[in-house]
Amino acid sequence: MKVYQGNHQAPEGRFAIVVSRYNETITRGLLDGAIRTLLEHGVSDDQIEVAWVPGAFEIPTAASRMAASGRYVAIVCLGAVIRGETSHDQHINRAVSLSLAQLGVQYRLPVLFGVLTCNSLEQAIARSGGQVPTLGKDQPTSRVGNKGIECALAALEMVNLLRQLPPEQPSQSTPAYHNPLEISCQ
């Protein structure tokens, strides 16, 4: 039996990080966590490029351009969409997640989904490395983690895994791109 498994060693190649400026108090923590993690695992500063976009909805557009360039071994996408009074957040989350998944398949490289989809600001803070105070004087603050760190580790692991997998056969044709959000009218 042959088992393929990635690791967190720094591979050769550049890493792109696309980060949303909307909810920047949250996304800055995600970005800091991702960069710190890549550096701690041996990726050099000049191997990391960051692209700021206005909001989460624009992340796939920038990620697509970066993927199409062929310059990067992985693209880490970071944002924060917090539920409001309408269903707007659900539409953004679905569009962004499906688009990023398709980019990874289309360009055959890791495109990591580090977009927080939270019900509250407190949840977003807890998932971006911040500390959320809990109720009661004697209770410690709550800390869940940092999705930016998780995505950076996943990017390292996936780059190393994909380099181990057997190469694609030249005779296989690439499936045509299908936009899962497209609605056909007949």
Protein backbone atom coordinates (compact mmCIF):
# COMPACT_ATOMS: atom_id res chain seq x y z
CA MET A 1 0.00 0.00 0.00
CA LYS A 2 1.26 3.45 -0.96
CA VAL A 3 0.21 6.34 1.29
CA TYR A 4 0.62 9.97 0.28
CA GLN A 5 0.81 12.60 2.98
CA GLY A 6 1.92 16.20 3.02
CA ASN A 7 3.90 17.94 5.73
CA HIS A 8 4.52 21.46 6.98
CA GLN A 9 8.02 21.92 5.58
CA ALA A 10 8.57 25.01 3.46
CA PRO A 11 8.53 24.09 -0.21
CA GLU A 12 10.11 26.10 -2.97
CA GLY A 13 7.76 28.58 -4.57
CA ARG A 14 5.70 31.64 -3.80
CA PHE A 15 2.58 31.87 -1.64
CA ALA A 16 -0.20 34.32 -2.41
CA ILE A 17 -2.51 35.61 0.29
CA VAL A 18 -5.71 37.36 -0.76
CA VAL A 19 -7.30 39.20 2.16
CA SER A 20 -10.49 41.23 2.50
CA ARG A 21 -10.26 44.76 3.85
CA TYR A 22 -13.91 44.60 4.98
CA ASN A 23 -13.94 43.65 8.68
CA GLU A 24 -10.23 44.48 8.75
CA THR A 25 -10.07 44.30 12.54
CA ILE A 26 -10.78 40.58 12.06
CA THR A 27 -8.96 39.91 8.78
CA ARG A 28 -5.75 41.57 10.01
CA GLY A 29 -5.53 38.88 12.72
CA LEU A 30 -6.07 36.17 10.10
CA LEU A 31 -3.36 37.67 7.87
CA ASP A 32 -0.88 38.06 10.74
CA GLY A 33 -1.47 34.43 11.75
CA ALA A 34 -0.99 33.15 8.20
CA ILE A 35 2.20 35.13 7.58
CA ARG A 36 3.67 34.26 10.98
CA THR A 37 2.96 30.56 10.39
CA LEU A 38 4.52 30.50 6.93
CA LEU A 39 7.63 32.28 8.24
CA GLU A 40 7.89 29.94 11.26
CA HIS A 41 7.86 26.94 8.90
CA GLY A 42 10.71 28.24 6.76
CA VAL A 43 8.97 30.21 4.00
CA SER A 44 10.99 33.36 3.43
CA ASP A 45 9.45 36.82 3.45
CA ASP A 46 10.15 37.30 -0.26
CA GLN A 47 8.14 34.14 -1.07
CA ILE A 48 4.94 35.72 0.29
CA GLU A 49 2.77 38.19 -1.64
CA VAL A 50 -0.37 39.79 -0.20
CA ALA A 51 -3.26 41.24 -2.20
CA TRP A 52 -5.87 43.31 -0.36
CA VAL A 53 -9.37 43.34 -1.85
CA PRO A 54 -12.37 45.46 -0.77
CA GLY A 55 -14.53 42.60 0.53
CA ALA A 56 -14.98 38.84 0.64
CA PHE A 57 -16.95 38.85 -2.62
CA GLU A 58 -13.87 40.14 -4.49
CA ILE A 59 -11.54 37.44 -3.15
CA PRO A 60 -12.20 34.94 -5.99
CA THR A 61 -11.48 37.56 -8.68
CA ALA A 62 -8.03 38.35 -7.27
CA ALA A 63 -7.35 34.68 -6.46
CA SER A 64 -8.24 33.70 -10.03
CA ARG A 65 -5.83 36.25 -11.50
CA MET A 66 -3.08 35.08 -9.19
CA ALA A 67 -3.74 31.41 -9.96
CA ALA A 68 -3.74 32.08 -13.70
CA SER A 69 -0.32 33.74 -13.44
CA GLY A 70 1.34 30.43 -12.60
CA ARG A 71 3.60 32.21 -10.09
CA TYR A 72 2.27 30.63 -6.90
CA VAL A 73 2.29 27.18 -5.31
CA ALA A 74 -0.73 28.03 -3.13
CA ILE A 75 -3.24 30.81 -2.57
CA VAL A 76 -4.55 31.49 0.92
CA CYS A 77 -7.85 33.40 0.91
CA LEU A 78 -8.85 35.26 4.07
CA GLY A 79 -11.98 37.19 4.93
CA ALA A 80 -14.79 37.56 7.43
CA VAL A 81 -18.50 37.57 6.65
CA ILE A 82 -20.65 38.14 9.72
CA ARG A 83 -24.37 37.40 9.68
CA GLY A 84 -26.60 40.43 9.64
CA GLU A 85 -30.34 40.97 9.64
CA THR A 86 -30.79 39.69 6.05
CA SER A 87 -29.58 36.63 4.13
CA HIS A 88 -26.90 38.67 2.30
CA ASP A 89 -24.11 36.83 4.15
CA GLN A 90 -25.36 33.44 2.92
CA HIS A 91 -25.22 34.53 -0.72
CA ILE A 92 -21.70 35.90 -0.36
CA ASN A 93 -20.46 32.82 1.52
CA ARG A 94 -21.88 30.42 -1.06
CA ALA A 95 -20.54 32.35 -4.05
CA VAL A 96 -17.06 32.74 -2.55
CA SER A 97 -16.72 29.16 -1.30
CA LEU A 98 -17.88 27.58 -4.58
CA SER A 99 -15.68 29.89 -6.65
CA LEU A 100 -12.57 29.19 -4.59
CA ALA A 101 -13.15 25.44 -4.68
CA GLN A 102 -13.47 25.60 -8.46
CA LEU A 103 -10.26 27.64 -8.78
CA GLY A 104 -8.29 24.96 -6.94
CA VAL A 105 -9.58 22.27 -9.27
CA GLN A 106 -9.22 24.39 -12.41
CA TYR A 107 -5.64 25.48 -11.73
CA ARG A 108 -4.60 22.33 -9.84
CA LEU A 109 -3.15 24.15 -6.87
CA PRO A 110 -4.20 24.63 -3.27
CA VAL A 111 -6.67 27.48 -2.87
CA LEU A 112 -7.45 27.68 0.84
CA PHE A 113 -10.80 28.90 2.16
CA GLY A 114 -10.02 31.04 5.19
CA VAL A 115 -13.17 33.12 5.04
CA LEU A 116 -14.89 33.18 8.42
CA THR A 117 -18.65 32.68 8.18
CA CYS A 118 -19.77 33.67 11.65
CA ASN A 119 -23.05 34.42 13.36
CA SER A 120 -21.55 37.18 15.50
CA LEU A 121 -18.61 39.52 15.89
CA GLU A 122 -17.57 37.59 19.01
CA GLN A 123 -17.30 34.36 16.99
CA ALA A 124 -15.20 36.14 14.36
CA ILE A 125 -12.87 37.59 16.99
CA ALA A 126 -12.40 34.16 18.56
CA ARG A 127 -11.59 32.58 15.17
CA SER A 128 -9.09 35.27 14.18
CA GLY A 129 -6.75 34.91 17.13
CA GLY A 130 -8.43 37.49 19.33
CA GLN A 131 -9.73 36.97 22.82
CA VAL A 132 -13.40 37.29 23.58
CA PRO A 133 -14.30 38.08 27.17
CA THR A 134 -16.68 35.59 28.75
CA LEU A 135 -19.38 36.43 31.26
CA GLY A 136 -18.39 36.48 34.89
CA LYS A 137 -15.41 37.92 36.73
CA ASP A 138 -13.79 34.60 37.55
CA GLN A 139 -14.01 33.06 34.08
CA PRO A 140 -11.02 33.35 31.75
CA THR A 141 -11.34 34.84 28.30
CA SER A 142 -12.30 32.49 25.50
CA ARG A 143 -9.97 31.75 22.61
CA VAL A 144 -10.91 29.40 19.77
CA GLY A 145 -7.96 29.77 17.39
CA ASN A 146 -6.92 31.46 14.19
CA LYS A 147 -8.21 30.35 10.80
CA GLY A 148 -5.27 32.16 9.14
CA ILE A 149 -2.85 29.84 10.93
CA GLU A 150 -4.92 26.79 9.96
CA CYS A 151 -5.01 27.84 6.30
CA ALA A 152 -1.26 28.49 6.16
CA LEU A 153 -0.58 25.02 7.59
CA ALA A 154 -3.03 23.46 5.16
CA ALA A 155 -1.35 25.30 2.27
CA LEU A 156 2.06 23.92 3.23
CA GLU A 157 0.66 20.42 3.62
CA MET A 158 -1.23 20.48 0.32
CA VAL A 159 1.72 21.83 -1.69
CA ASN A 160 3.89 19.02 -0.35
CA LEU A 161 1.17 16.41 -0.92
CA LEU A 162 0.49 17.45 -4.52
CA ARG A 163 4.20 17.21 -5.31
CA GLN A 164 4.13 13.54 -4.23
CA LEU A 165 1.06 12.48 -6.17
CA PRO A 166 1.46 10.82 -9.57
CA PRO A 167 1.48 13.27 -12.48
CA GLU A 168 -1.58 13.69 -14.67
CA GLN A 169 -1.63 11.71 -17.86
CA PRO A 170 -1.18 13.93 -20.95
CA SER A 171 -3.97 12.11 -22.78
CA GLN A 172 -6.55 13.07 -20.17
CA SER A 173 -8.53 16.12 -21.11
CA THR A 174 -9.30 18.76 -18.57
CA PRO A 175 -12.99 18.90 -17.74
CA ALA A 176 -14.69 22.04 -18.98
CA TYR A 177 -15.20 24.70 -16.34
CA HIS A 178 -18.73 24.67 -15.01
CA ASN A 179 -19.94 27.52 -12.87
CA PRO A 180 -22.11 25.93 -10.17
CA LEU A 181 -23.86 29.25 -9.64
CA GLU A 182 -25.05 29.42 -13.24
CA ILE A 183 -28.76 28.95 -13.69
CA SER A 184 -29.85 27.60 -17.03
CA CYS A 185 -33.10 28.82 -18.51
CA GLN A 186 -34.74 26.49 -20.98
